[in-house]
PDB file of N, CA and C in Angstrom:
ATOM      1  N   MET A   1      62.964  66.801 109.359  1.00  0.00           N
ATOM      2  CA  MET A   1      62.818  67.811 108.912  1.00  0.00           C
ATOM      3  C   MET A   1      60.960  68.922 108.138  1.00  0.00           C
ATOM      4  N   PRO A   2      61.531  69.001 108.787  1.00  0.00           N
ATOM      5  CA  PRO A   2      59.849  70.235 108.636  1.00  0.00           C
ATOM      6  C   PRO A   2      59.807  70.955 107.096  1.00  0.00           C
ATOM      7  N   THR A   3      58.116  70.533 107.038  1.00  0.00           N
ATOM      8  CA  THR A   3      58.168  71.485 106.033  1.00  0.00           C
ATOM      9  C   THR A   3      56.867  72.623 106.633  1.00  0.00           C
ATOM     10  N   HIS A   4      56.237  73.008 104.927  1.00  0.00           N
ATOM     11  CA  HIS A   4      54.563  73.453 105.541  1.00  0.00           C
ATOM     12  C   HIS A   4      54.168  72.022 105.101  1.00  0.00           C
ATOM     13  N   TYR A   5      53.690  71.153 105.054  1.00  0.00           N
ATOM     14  CA  TYR A   5      52.845  70.472 104.883  1.00  0.00           C
ATOM     15  C   TYR A   5      53.437  69.105 105.547  1.00  0.00           C
ATOM     16  N   ASP A   6      53.466  69.646 107.923  1.00  0.00           N
ATOM     17  CA  ASP A   6      54.134  68.580 108.427  1.00  0.00           C
ATOM     18  C   ASP A   6      52.797  67.899 108.654  1.00  0.00           C
ATOM     19  N   ASN A   7      52.768  67.173 109.426  1.00  0.00           N
ATOM     20  CA  ASN A   7      51.513  66.127 109.043  1.00  0.00           C
ATOM     21  C   ASN A   7      50.831  65.813 107.795  1.00  0.00           C
ATOM     22  N   PHE A   8      51.722  66.448 107.206  1.00  0.00           N
ATOM     23  CA  PHE A   8      50.481  65.031 105.991  1.00  0.00           C
ATOM     24  C   PHE A   8      50.732  64.316 105.877  1.00  0.00           C
ATOM     25  N   ASP A   9      49.710  63.748 105.378  1.00  0.00           N
ATOM     26  CA  ASP A   9      48.981  62.124 105.469  1.00  0.00           C
ATOM     27  C   ASP A   9      49.914  61.524 103.979  1.00  0.00           C
ATOM     28  N   PHE A  10      50.877  60.962 103.271  1.00  0.00           N
ATOM     29  CA  PHE A  10      51.002  60.681 101.777  1.00  0.00           C
ATOM     30  C   PHE A  10      51.439  59.116 102.027  1.00  0.00           C
ATOM     31  N   ARG A  11      50.945  58.191 101.575  1.00  0.00           N
ATOM     32  CA  ARG A  11      50.912  56.586 101.510  1.00  0.00           C
ATOM     33  C   ARG A  11      51.668  56.537 100.170  1.00  0.00           C
ATOM     34  N   ILE A  12      52.153  55.155 100.028  1.00  0.00           N
ATOM     35  CA  ILE A  12      51.679  54.006  98.797  1.00  0.00           C
ATOM     36  C   ILE A  12      51.855  53.075  99.503  1.00  0.00           C
ATOM     37  N   ASP A  13      51.170  52.455  98.981  1.00  0.00           N
ATOM     38  CA  ASP A  13      50.968  50.892  99.807  1.00  0.00           C
ATOM     39  C   ASP A  13      50.558  50.385 100.755  1.00  0.00           C
ATOM     40  N   GLY A  14      50.071  51.977 101.280  1.00  0.00           N
ATOM     41  CA  GLY A  14      50.632  51.695 102.910  1.00  0.00           C
ATOM     42  C   GLY A  14      51.583  51.877 103.878  1.00  0.00           C
ATOM     43  N   THR A  15      52.294  52.281 102.772  1.00  0.00           N
ATOM     44  CA  THR A  15      53.642  52.988 103.333  1.00  0.00           C
ATOM     45  C   THR A  15      53.461  54.400 103.729  1.00  0.00           C
ATOM     46  N   VAL A  16      53.981  54.959 105.200  1.00  0.00           N
ATOM     47  CA  VAL A  16      54.157  56.298 105.372  1.00  0.00           C
ATOM     48  C   VAL A  16      55.791  57.439 104.844  1.00  0.00           C
ATOM     49  N   LEU A  17      54.959  57.732 103.731  1.00  0.00           N
ATOM     50  CA  LEU A  17      56.191  58.992 103.544  1.00  0.00           C
ATOM     51  C   LEU A  17      56.287  60.000 103.890  1.00  0.00           C
ATOM     52  N   PRO A  18      57.905  60.546 104.173  1.00  0.00           N
ATOM     53  CA  PRO A  18      58.382  61.817 104.056  1.00  0.00           C
ATOM     54  C   PRO A  18      57.438  62.410 103.946  1.00  0.00           C
ATOM     55  N   PRO A  19      57.219  63.496 104.422  1.00  0.00           N
ATOM     56  CA  PRO A  19      56.767  64.494 104.212  1.00  0.00           C
ATOM     57  C   PRO A  19      57.016  65.564 102.749  1.00  0.00           C
ATOM     58  N   PRO A  20      56.252  65.743 101.325  1.00  0.00           N
ATOM     59  CA  PRO A  20      56.521  65.862 100.954  1.00  0.00           C
ATOM     60  C   PRO A  20      57.116  67.496 100.437  1.00  0.00           C
ATOM     61  N   SER A  21      57.971  68.869 100.047  1.00  0.00           N
ATOM     62  CA  SER A  21      58.594  69.940 100.493  1.00  0.00           C
ATOM     63  C   SER A  21      57.274  70.446  99.427  1.00  0.00           C
ATOM     64  N   GLY A  22      57.791  70.022  98.096  1.00  0.00           N
ATOM     65  CA  GLY A  22      56.441  70.213  97.215  1.00  0.00           C
ATOM     66  C   GLY A  22      55.721  69.485  96.424  1.00  0.00           C
ATOM     67  N   TYR A  23      54.534  70.167  96.228  1.00  0.00           N
ATOM     68  CA  TYR A  23      52.855  69.065  95.717  1.00  0.00           C
ATOM     69  C   TYR A  23      52.223  69.820  95.231  1.00  0.00           C
ATOM     70  N   ASN A  24      52.120  69.217  93.489  1.00  0.00           N
ATOM     71  CA  ASN A  24      51.021  70.550  93.073  1.00  0.00           C
ATOM     72  C   ASN A  24      50.495  69.266  92.527  1.00  0.00           C
ATOM     73  N   TYR A  25      48.572  69.346  92.386  1.00  0.00           N
ATOM     74  CA  TYR A  25      47.256  68.208  92.226  1.00  0.00           C
ATOM     75  C   TYR A  25      46.991  68.766  91.624  1.00  0.00           C
ATOM     76  N   ASN A  26      46.986  67.987  90.201  1.00  0.00           N
ATOM     77  CA  ASN A  26      46.115  68.186  89.270  1.00  0.00           C
ATOM     78  C   ASN A  26      44.738  67.346  88.811  1.00  0.00           C
ATOM     79  N   GLU A  27      43.628  67.570  88.526  1.00  0.00           N
ATOM     80  CA  GLU A  27      42.404  66.401  87.241  1.00  0.00           C
ATOM     81  C   GLU A  27      42.492  66.575  85.867  1.00  0.00           C
ATOM     82  N   ALA A  28      42.054  66.369  85.006  1.00  0.00           N
ATOM     83  CA  ALA A  28      41.804  66.688  83.573  1.00  0.00           C
ATOM     84  C   ALA A  28      41.086  65.343  83.385  1.00  0.00           C
ATOM     85  N   ASP A  29      40.145  65.677  82.558  1.00  0.00           N
ATOM     86  CA  ASP A  29      38.550  64.560  82.224  1.00  0.00           C
ATOM     87  C   ASP A  29      40.131  64.133  80.339  1.00  0.00           C
ATOM     88  N   LEU A  30      39.835  63.293  79.911  1.00  0.00           N
ATOM     89  CA  LEU A  30      40.036  62.356  79.618  1.00  0.00           C
ATOM     90  C   LEU A  30      38.965  62.658  78.098  1.00  0.00           C
ATOM     91  N   VAL A  31      39.216  62.252  77.062  1.00  0.00           N
ATOM     92  CA  VAL A  31      38.309  63.123  75.715  1.00  0.00           C
ATOM     93  C   VAL A  31      38.540  61.926  74.430  1.00  0.00           C
ATOM     94  N   GLU A  32      38.268  61.180  73.629  1.00  0.00           N
ATOM     95  CA  GLU A  32      37.746  61.011  72.522  1.00  0.00           C
ATOM     96  C   GLU A  32      37.162  61.828  71.717  1.00  0.00           C
ATOM     97  N   ASN A  33      36.885  61.522  69.713  1.00  0.00           N
ATOM     98  CA  ASN A  33      36.225  61.708  68.897  1.00  0.00           C
ATOM     99  C   ASN A  33      36.370  63.213  69.735  1.00  0.00           C
ATOM    100  N   SER A  34      37.660  63.618  69.387  1.00  0.00           N
ATOM    101  CA  SER A  34      37.779  65.586  69.620  1.00  0.00           C
ATOM    102  C   SER A  34      37.637  65.581  68.243  1.00  0.00           C
ATOM    103  N   THR A  35      36.676  66.599  67.853  1.00  0.00           N
ATOM    104  CA  THR A  35      36.978  67.483  66.029  1.00  0.00           C
ATOM    105  C   THR A  35      36.415  68.920  66.135  1.00  0.00           C
ATOM    106  N   ARG A  36      36.744  69.657  65.213  1.00  0.00           N
ATOM    107  CA  ARG A  36      36.103  71.251  64.775  1.00  0.00           C
ATOM    108  C   ARG A  36      35.500  71.203  63.613  1.00  0.00           C
ATOM    109  N   ASN A  37      34.157  71.104  64.016  1.00  0.00           N
ATOM    110  CA  ASN A  37      32.728  71.462  63.257  1.00  0.00           C
ATOM    111  C   ASN A  37      33.838  72.459  61.655  1.00  0.00           C
ATOM    112  N   GLY A  38      33.234  72.653  60.550  1.00  0.00           N
ATOM    113  CA  GLY A  38      33.208  74.034  59.054  1.00  0.00           C
ATOM    114  C   GLY A  38      33.754  75.242  60.617  1.00  0.00           C
ATOM    115  N   LYS A  39      33.125  75.378  61.411  1.00  0.00           N
ATOM    116  CA  LYS A  39      32.843  76.897  61.759  1.00  0.00           C
ATOM    117  C   LYS A  39      33.707  77.213  62.811  1.00  0.00           C
ATOM    118  N   GLY A  40      34.079  75.794  63.653  1.00  0.00           N
ATOM    119  CA  GLY A  40      35.373  75.765  63.934  1.00  0.00           C
ATOM    120  C   GLY A  40      35.422  75.102  65.558  1.00  0.00           C
ATOM    121  N   PHE A  41      33.871  75.029  65.713  1.00  0.00           N
ATOM    122  CA  PHE A  41      33.175  75.128  67.174  1.00  0.00           C
ATOM    123  C   PHE A  41      33.902  73.504  67.111  1.00  0.00           C
ATOM    124  N   ALA A  42      34.205  73.057  68.560  1.00  0.00           N
ATOM    125  CA  ALA A  42      34.499  71.834  68.790  1.00  0.00           C
ATOM    126  C   ALA A  42      33.926  70.978  69.656  1.00  0.00           C
ATOM    127  N   SER A  43      33.998  69.698  69.377  1.00  0.00           N
ATOM    128  CA  SER A  43      32.499  68.312  69.898  1.00  0.00           C
ATOM    129  C   SER A  43      34.183  66.933  70.554  1.00  0.00           C
ATOM    130  N   TRP A  44      33.191  66.472  71.213  1.00  0.00           N
ATOM    131  CA  TRP A  44      34.281  64.981  71.348  1.00  0.00           C
ATOM    132  C   TRP A  44      33.610  64.557  72.981  1.00  0.00           C
ATOM    133  N   ASP A  45      33.839  63.319  73.113  1.00  0.00           N
ATOM    134  CA  ASP A  45      32.997  62.617  73.787  1.00  0.00           C
ATOM    135  C   ASP A  45      33.755  62.116  75.168  1.00  0.00           C
ATOM    136  N   VAL A  46      33.686  62.855  76.105  1.00  0.00           N
ATOM    137  CA  VAL A  46      34.392  62.503  77.810  1.00  0.00           C
ATOM    138  C   VAL A  46      34.237  60.832  77.443  1.00  0.00           C
ATOM    139  N   VAL A  47      35.149  60.645  78.257  1.00  0.00           N
ATOM    140  CA  VAL A  47      35.256  58.431  79.144  1.00  0.00           C
ATOM    141  C   VAL A  47      35.506  58.921  79.897  1.00  0.00           C
ATOM    142  N   ARG A  48      36.108  59.509  80.713  1.00  0.00           N
ATOM    143  CA  ARG A  48      36.821  59.846  81.953  1.00  0.00           C
ATOM    144  C   ARG A  48      36.550  60.750  82.681  1.00  0.00           C
ATOM    145  N   GLN A  49      36.085  61.210  83.995  1.00  0.00           N
ATOM    146  CA  GLN A  49      36.629  62.774  84.204  1.00  0.00           C
ATOM    147  C   GLN A  49      37.756  62.304  85.275  1.00  0.00           C
ATOM    148  N   ASN A  50      38.071  63.816  86.264  1.00  0.00           N
ATOM    149  CA  ASN A  50      38.923  63.339  87.099  1.00  0.00           C
ATOM    150  C   ASN A  50      39.791  62.751  87.175  1.00  0.00           C
ATOM    151  N   VAL A  51      41.213  62.486  86.487  1.00  0.00           N
ATOM    152  CA  VAL A  51      41.977  61.683  86.586  1.00  0.00           C
ATOM    153  C   VAL A  51      42.669  63.106  87.363  1.00  0.00           C
ATOM    154  N   GLY A  52      43.702  61.597  88.277  1.00  0.00           N
ATOM    155  CA  GLY A  52      44.877  62.807  88.944  1.00  0.00           C
ATOM    156  C   GLY A  52      45.539  62.526  88.554  1.00  0.00           C
ATOM    157  N   ASN A  53      46.487  63.860  89.098  1.00  0.00           N
ATOM    158  CA  ASN A  53      48.057  64.273  88.488  1.00  0.00           C
ATOM    159  C   ASN A  53      48.450  64.855  89.758  1.00  0.00           C
ATOM    160  N   LEU A  54      49.509  63.581  90.254  1.00  0.00           N
ATOM    161  CA  LEU A  54      50.201  64.670  91.236  1.00  0.00           C
ATOM    162  C   LEU A  54      52.150  64.551  90.706  1.00  0.00           C
ATOM    163  N   GLU A  55      52.571  66.200  90.839  1.00  0.00           N
ATOM    164  CA  GLU A  55      53.843  66.538  90.498  1.00  0.00           C
ATOM    165  C   GLU A  55      54.017  66.118  92.182  1.00  0.00           C
ATOM    166  N   LEU A  56      54.989  65.805  92.734  1.00  0.00           N
ATOM    167  CA  LEU A  56      55.678  65.566  94.474  1.00  0.00           C
ATOM    168  C   LEU A  56      57.560  66.088  93.889  1.00  0.00           C
ATOM    169  N   SER A  57      57.967  66.681  94.951  1.00  0.00           N
ATOM    170  CA  SER A  57      59.031  66.815  95.080  1.00  0.00           C
ATOM    171  C   SER A  57      59.977  66.857  97.297  1.00  0.00           C
ATOM    172  N   TRP A  58      60.796  66.344  96.768  1.00  0.00           N
ATOM    173  CA  TRP A  58      60.952  66.439  98.384  1.00  0.00           C
ATOM    174  C   TRP A  58      62.766  67.223  98.232  1.00  0.00           C
ATOM    175  N   ASP A  59      63.008  67.980  99.106  1.00  0.00           N
ATOM    176  CA  ASP A  59      64.322  68.505  98.945  1.00  0.00           C
ATOM    177  C   ASP A  59      65.073  68.023 100.570  1.00  0.00           C
ATOM    178  N   ASN A  60      66.479  68.729 100.215  1.00  0.00           N
ATOM    179  CA  ASN A  60      67.379  68.010 101.520  1.00  0.00           C
ATOM    180  C   ASN A  60      66.856  66.560 101.954  1.00  0.00           C
ATOM    181  N   LEU A  61      66.951  65.592 100.736  1.00  0.00           N
ATOM    182  CA  LEU A  61      66.487  63.947 101.785  1.00  0.00           C
ATOM    183  C   LEU A  61      67.841  63.368 101.174  1.00  0.00           C
ATOM    184  N   ASP A  62      67.640  63.241 103.111  1.00  0.00           N
ATOM    185  CA  ASP A  62      69.258  62.265 103.094  1.00  0.00           C
ATOM    186  C   ASP A  62      68.686  60.522 102.878  1.00  0.00           C
ATOM    187  N   GLY A  63      70.603  59.469 102.355  1.00  0.00           N
ATOM    188  CA  GLY A  63      70.287  58.882 101.501  1.00  0.00           C
ATOM    189  C   GLY A  63      69.280  57.797 101.978  1.00  0.00           C
ATOM    190  N   ASP A  64      68.782  58.047 103.369  1.00  0.00           N
ATOM    191  CA  ASP A  64      68.112  56.519 103.757  1.00  0.00           C
ATOM    192  C   ASP A  64      66.760  57.245 102.905  1.00  0.00           C
ATOM    193  N   ARG A  65      65.952  58.809 103.463  1.00  0.00           N
ATOM    194  CA  ARG A  65      64.929  58.752 102.558  1.00  0.00           C
ATOM    195  C   ARG A  65      64.272  59.058 101.093  1.00  0.00           C
ATOM    196  N   LEU A  66      65.253  59.301 100.862  1.00  0.00           N
ATOM    197  CA  LEU A  66      65.788  59.130  99.759  1.00  0.00           C
ATOM    198  C   LEU A  66      64.924  57.558  99.292  1.00  0.00           C
ATOM    199  N   LYS A  67      65.805  56.687  99.403  1.00  0.00           N
ATOM    200  CA  LYS A  67      65.905  55.633  99.279  1.00  0.00           C
ATOM    201  C   LYS A  67      64.207  54.924  99.776  1.00  0.00           C
ATOM    202  N   GLN A  68      63.878  55.620 100.650  1.00  0.00           N
ATOM    203  CA  GLN A  68      62.522  55.312 101.520  1.00  0.00           C
ATOM    204  C   GLN A  68      61.149  56.077 100.356  1.00  0.00           C
ATOM    205  N   VAL A  69      61.646  56.603  99.824  1.00  0.00           N
ATOM    206  CA  VAL A  69      60.381  57.278  98.601  1.00  0.00           C
ATOM    207  C   VAL A  69      60.999  56.009  97.196  1.00  0.00           C
ATOM    208  N   ILE A  70      62.191  55.891  96.786  1.00  0.00           N
ATOM    209  CA  ILE A  70      62.214  54.873  95.933  1.00  0.00           C
ATOM    210  C   ILE A  70      61.699  53.304  96.096  1.00  0.00           C
ATOM    211  N   ARG A  71      62.435  52.942  97.366  1.00  0.00           N
ATOM    212  CA  ARG A  71      62.086  51.566  96.616  1.00  0.00           C
ATOM    213  C   ARG A  71      60.378  51.724  97.546  1.00  0.00           C
ATOM    214  N   ALA A  72      59.659  52.864  97.865  1.00  0.00           N
ATOM    215  CA  ALA A  72      57.832  52.098  97.540  1.00  0.00           C
ATOM    216  C   ALA A  72      56.886  52.283  96.099  1.00  0.00           C
ATOM    217  N   ILE A  73      58.012  52.230  95.107  1.00  0.00           N
ATOM    218  CA  ILE A  73      57.820  52.686  93.542  1.00  0.00           C
ATOM    219  C   ILE A  73      58.358  51.731  92.304  1.00  0.00           C
ATOM    220  N   ARG A  74      59.486  51.672  92.672  1.00  0.00           N
ATOM    221  CA  ARG A  74      60.370  51.110  92.303  1.00  0.00           C
ATOM    222  C   ARG A  74      60.311  49.914  91.830  1.00  0.00           C
ATOM    223  N   GLY A  75      59.915  48.935  90.311  1.00  0.00           N
ATOM    224  CA  GLY A  75      59.727  48.279  90.100  1.00  0.00           C
ATOM    225  C   GLY A  75      57.706  47.995  89.822  1.00  0.00           C
ATOM    226  N   LYS A  76      57.316  48.599  90.630  1.00  0.00           N
ATOM    227  CA  LYS A  76      56.382  48.626  90.437  1.00  0.00           C
ATOM    228  C   LYS A  76      55.208  49.026  89.071  1.00  0.00           C
ATOM    229  N   LYS A  77      54.590  48.535  88.845  1.00  0.00           N
ATOM    230  CA  LYS A  77      53.875  48.966  87.445  1.00  0.00           C
ATOM    231  C   LYS A  77      52.842  50.346  87.984  1.00  0.00           C
ATOM    232  N   SER A  78      51.794  50.009  88.871  1.00  0.00           N
ATOM    233  CA  SER A  78      50.804  50.914  90.178  1.00  0.00           C
ATOM    234  C   SER A  78      50.804  50.660  91.106  1.00  0.00           C
ATOM    235  N   PHE A  79      50.315  51.297  92.008  1.00  0.00           N
ATOM    236  CA  PHE A  79      50.339  50.928  93.923  1.00  0.00           C
ATOM    237  C   PHE A  79      49.189  52.050  94.042  1.00  0.00           C
ATOM    238  N   ASN A  80      48.794  51.840  95.107  1.00  0.00           N
ATOM    239  CA  ASN A  80      47.808  52.335  96.021  1.00  0.00           C
ATOM    240  C   ASN A  80      48.850  53.904  96.686  1.00  0.00           C
ATOM    241  N   VAL A  81      47.676  55.236  96.633  1.00  0.00           N
ATOM    242  CA  VAL A  81      48.306  56.503  96.641  1.00  0.00           C
ATOM    243  C   VAL A  81      47.337  57.152  97.357  1.00  0.00           C
ATOM    244  N   HIS A  82      47.473  57.461  98.828  1.00  0.00           N
ATOM    245  CA  HIS A  82      46.412  58.342 100.108  1.00  0.00           C
ATOM    246  C   HIS A  82      47.280  59.233  99.887  1.00  0.00           C
ATOM    247  N   PHE A  83      46.372  60.682  99.014  1.00  0.00           N
ATOM    248  CA  PHE A  83      46.981  62.078  99.413  1.00  0.00           C
ATOM    249  C   PHE A  83      45.898  62.601  99.709  1.00  0.00           C
ATOM    250  N   PHE A  84      46.053  63.671  99.503  1.00  0.00           N
ATOM    251  CA  PHE A  84      45.952  65.104 100.431  1.00  0.00           C
ATOM    252  C   PHE A  84      45.107  65.357  98.987  1.00  0.00           C
ATOM    253  N   ASN A  85      43.491  65.721  97.996  1.00  0.00           N
ATOM    254  CA  ASN A  85      43.310  65.976  96.728  1.00  0.00           C
ATOM    255  C   ASN A  85      43.193  66.903  97.319  1.00  0.00           C
ATOM    256  N   THR A  86      44.138  68.623  96.509  1.00  0.00           N
ATOM    257  CA  THR A  86      43.173  69.448  97.231  1.00  0.00           C
ATOM    258  C   THR A  86      42.312  70.667  96.675  1.00  0.00           C
ATOM    259  N   LEU A  87      41.098  69.686  95.232  1.00  0.00           N
ATOM    260  CA  LEU A  87      40.097  70.307  94.660  1.00  0.00           C
ATOM    261  C   LEU A  87      39.244  69.838  95.569  1.00  0.00           C
ATOM    262  N   THR A  88      39.010  68.664  96.685  1.00  0.00           N
ATOM    263  CA  THR A  88      37.965  68.428  97.299  1.00  0.00           C
ATOM    264  C   THR A  88      37.787  68.994  98.474  1.00  0.00           C
ATOM    265  N   GLY A  89      39.516  68.493  98.543  1.00  0.00           N
ATOM    266  CA  GLY A  89      39.703  69.197 100.036  1.00  0.00           C
ATOM    267  C   GLY A  89      39.117  67.870 101.236  1.00  0.00           C
ATOM    268  N   ASP A  90      39.793  66.579 100.846  1.00  0.00           N
ATOM    269  CA  ASP A  90      39.766  65.176 100.959  1.00  0.00           C
ATOM    270  C   ASP A  90      41.052  64.414 100.914  1.00  0.00           C
ATOM    271  N   HIS A  91      41.160  63.326 101.695  1.00  0.00           N
ATOM    272  CA  HIS A  91      42.129  62.204 102.011  1.00  0.00           C
ATOM    273  C   HIS A  91      41.300  61.930 100.437  1.00  0.00           C
ATOM    274  N   GLU A  92      42.227  60.676  99.856  1.00  0.00           N
ATOM    275  CA  GLU A  92      41.844  60.161  98.823  1.00  0.00           C
ATOM    276  C   GLU A  92      42.752  58.709  98.743  1.00  0.00           C
ATOM    277  N   THR A  93      42.218  57.695  98.154  1.00  0.00           N
ATOM    278  CA  THR A  93      43.244  56.458  98.122  1.00  0.00           C
ATOM    279  C   THR A  93      42.806  56.323  96.414  1.00  0.00           C
ATOM    280  N   ARG A  94      44.022  56.212  95.554  1.00  0.00           N
ATOM    281  CA  ARG A  94      43.673  56.057  93.708  1.00  0.00           C
ATOM    282  C   ARG A  94      44.520  55.709  93.214  1.00  0.00           C
ATOM    283  N   VAL A  95      44.792  54.432  92.560  1.00  0.00           N
ATOM    284  CA  VAL A  95      46.506  54.443  91.801  1.00  0.00           C
ATOM    285  C   VAL A  95      46.296  55.133  90.989  1.00  0.00           C
ATOM    286  N   PHE A  96      48.005  54.998  90.818  1.00  0.00           N
ATOM    287  CA  PHE A  96      48.774  55.544  90.272  1.00  0.00           C
ATOM    288  C   PHE A  96      49.972  55.214  89.996  1.00  0.00           C
ATOM    289  N   TYR A  97      50.877  55.202  88.708  1.00  0.00           N
ATOM    290  CA  TYR A  97      52.377  54.592  88.229  1.00  0.00           C
ATOM    291  C   TYR A  97      52.818  56.188  88.877  1.00  0.00           C
ATOM    292  N   SER A  98      53.763  55.880  88.032  1.00  0.00           N
ATOM    293  CA  SER A  98      55.302  57.089  88.456  1.00  0.00           C
ATOM    294  C   SER A  98      55.748  57.557  86.936  1.00  0.00           C
ATOM    295  N   GLY A  99      55.780  58.687  86.408  1.00  0.00           N
ATOM    296  CA  GLY A  99      56.351  59.280  85.824  1.00  0.00           C
ATOM    297  C   GLY A  99      58.676  59.301  86.250  1.00  0.00           C
ATOM    298  N   ASP A 100      59.213  59.985  85.229  1.00  0.00           N
ATOM    299  CA  ASP A 100      60.365  59.612  85.114  1.00  0.00           C
ATOM    300  C   ASP A 100      60.593  61.050  86.646  1.00  0.00           C
ATOM    301  N   ARG A 101      61.083  59.247  87.621  1.00  0.00           N
ATOM    302  CA  ARG A 101      62.134  60.230  88.255  1.00  0.00           C
ATOM    303  C   ARG A 101      63.197  60.733  88.481  1.00  0.00           C
ATOM    304  N   ALA A 102      63.713  61.974  89.068  1.00  0.00           N
ATOM    305  CA  ALA A 102      65.097  62.907  88.781  1.00  0.00           C
ATOM    306  C   ALA A 102      65.162  63.077  90.196  1.00  0.00           C
ATOM    307  N   THR A 103      66.831  63.249  90.265  1.00  0.00           N
ATOM    308  CA  THR A 103      67.047  63.262  91.541  1.00  0.00           C
ATOM    309  C   THR A 103      68.225  64.908  91.178  1.00  0.00           C
ATOM    310  N   GLN A 104      68.196  65.548  92.161  1.00  0.00           N
ATOM    311  CA  GLN A 104      69.227  66.809  92.067  1.00  0.00           C
ATOM    312  C   GLN A 104      70.236  66.427  93.101  1.00  0.00           C
ATOM    313  N   LEU A 105      71.307  66.377  93.064  1.00  0.00           N
ATOM    314  CA  LEU A 105      72.442  66.031  94.376  1.00  0.00           C
ATOM    315  C   LEU A 105      73.260  67.788  94.703  1.00  0.00           C
ATOM    316  N   ALA A 106      72.441  67.556  95.562  1.00  0.00           N
ATOM    317  CA  ALA A 106      72.924  68.895  96.342  1.00  0.00           C
ATOM    318  C   ALA A 106      74.523  69.099  97.770  1.00  0.00           C
ATOM    319  N   ARG A 107      74.170  67.718  98.277  1.00  0.00           N
ATOM    320  CA  ARG A 107      76.062  68.384  99.016  1.00  0.00           C
ATOM    321  C   ARG A 107      75.850  66.402  98.573  1.00  0.00           C
ATOM    322  N   TYR A 108      77.455  66.166  98.907  1.00  0.00           N
ATOM    323  CA  TYR A 108      78.247  64.673  99.305  1.00  0.00           C
ATOM    324  C   TYR A 108      78.729  64.688  99.759  1.00  0.00           C
ATOM    325  N   VAL A 109      78.092  63.760 101.321  1.00  0.00           N
ATOM    326  CA  VAL A 109      79.548  63.840 101.709  1.00  0.00           C
ATOM    327  C   VAL A 109      80.216  62.675 102.446  1.00  0.00           C
ATOM    328  N   SER A 110      79.861  61.457 101.525  1.00  0.00           N
ATOM    329  CA  SER A 110      79.774  60.314 102.293  1.00  0.00           C
ATOM    330  C   SER A 110      79.414  58.716 101.805  1.00  0.00           C
ATOM    331  N   ALA A 111      79.857  58.059 101.356  1.00  0.00           N
ATOM    332  CA  ALA A 111      79.101  56.726 100.576  1.00  0.00           C
ATOM    333  C   ALA A 111      77.662  56.940 101.415  1.00  0.00           C
ATOM    334  N   VAL A 112      77.276  56.827 102.343  1.00  0.00           N
ATOM    335  CA  VAL A 112      76.229  57.108 103.370  1.00  0.00           C
ATOM    336  C   VAL A 112      75.218  58.224 103.145  1.00  0.00           C
ATOM    337  N   LYS A 113      76.513  59.157 103.423  1.00  0.00           N
ATOM    338  CA  LYS A 113      75.048  61.111 103.716  1.00  0.00           C
ATOM    339  C   LYS A 113      75.109  61.420 102.021  1.00  0.00           C
ATOM    340  N   TYR A 114      74.068  61.878 102.005  1.00  0.00           N
ATOM    341  CA  TYR A 114      74.431  63.114 100.905  1.00  0.00           C
ATOM    342  C   TYR A 114      72.413  63.616 101.017  1.00  0.00           C
ATOM    343  N   TRP A 115      72.869  64.790 100.174  1.00  0.00           N
ATOM    344  CA  TRP A 115      71.592  65.323 100.558  1.00  0.00           C
ATOM    345  C   TRP A 115      71.537  66.068  99.202  1.00  0.00           C
ATOM    346  N   ALA A 116      69.708  66.025  98.850  1.00  0.00           N
ATOM    347  CA  ALA A 116      68.810  65.249  97.171  1.00  0.00           C
ATOM    348  C   ALA A 116      67.851  65.877  97.714  1.00  0.00           C
ATOM    349  N   THR A 117      67.120  66.609  96.054  1.00  0.00           N
ATOM    350  CA  THR A 117      66.136  66.717  95.677  1.00  0.00           C
ATOM    351  C   THR A 117      65.657  65.204  94.771  1.00  0.00           C
ATOM    352  N   LEU A 118      64.035  65.560  94.932  1.00  0.00           N
ATOM    353  CA  LEU A 118      63.662  64.181  94.182  1.00  0.00           C
ATOM    354  C   LEU A 118      62.650  64.411  93.608  1.00  0.00           C
ATOM    355  N   THR A 119      62.301  64.906  92.236  1.00  0.00           N
ATOM    356  CA  THR A 119      60.844  64.850  92.056  1.00  0.00           C
ATOM    357  C   THR A 119      60.763  63.775  90.983  1.00  0.00           C
ATOM    358  N   ILE A 120      58.792  63.718  91.322  1.00  0.00           N
ATOM    359  CA  ILE A 120      58.381  62.709  90.418  1.00  0.00           C
ATOM    360  C   ILE A 120      56.758  63.409  89.675  1.00  0.00           C
ATOM    361  N   PRO A 121      56.433  62.297  88.879  1.00  0.00           N
ATOM    362  CA  PRO A 121      55.135  62.646  88.925  1.00  0.00           C
ATOM    363  C   PRO A 121      54.246  61.819  88.874  1.00  0.00           C
ATOM    364  N   PHE A 122      52.932  61.810  89.136  1.00  0.00           N
ATOM    365  CA  PHE A 122      52.142  60.125  89.011  1.00  0.00           C
ATOM    366  C   PHE A 122      50.647  60.928  88.543  1.00  0.00           C
ATOM    367  N   THR A 123      50.812  59.776  87.593  1.00  0.00           N
ATOM    368  CA  THR A 123      49.296  59.744  87.064  1.00  0.00           C
ATOM    369  C   THR A 123      48.628  58.547  87.409  1.00  0.00           C
ATOM    370  N   GLU A 124      47.209  58.950  87.285  1.00  0.00           N
ATOM    371  CA  GLU A 124      45.868  57.828  88.174  1.00  0.00           C
ATOM    372  C   GLU A 124      46.116  57.084  86.896  1.00  0.00           C
ATOM    373  N   VAL A 125      45.750  55.473  87.221  1.00  0.00           N
ATOM    374  CA  VAL A 125      45.836  54.631  85.934  1.00  0.00           C
ATOM    375  C   VAL A 125      44.060  54.341  85.324  1.00  0.00           C
TER     376      VAL A 125
END
């Protein structure tokens, strides 16, 4: 399944997964004690910086590839994800958990063959 992410090294707990069709990465700082003073200026305490979020999608997955991706995360509280950090230009491994997994069925041929789009958000622990 060629994509513009060919030769893309994406792994979960060491398992190499098919390259995603869509890939978004962002980072956020976690804050607490955020308030605004009487003049409207904000203040807060940063408790952790650069917490990663991945939003990945795979288009036209057959049943076997869909199962491969789902089996890598299903039933796990968290897992190691090796990914390309588009903000730094480096490959990194961090611990993530998955959000709600969504599929859209594109074509159903038989109980064995179908093509679907899978979307999964990942949030760093």
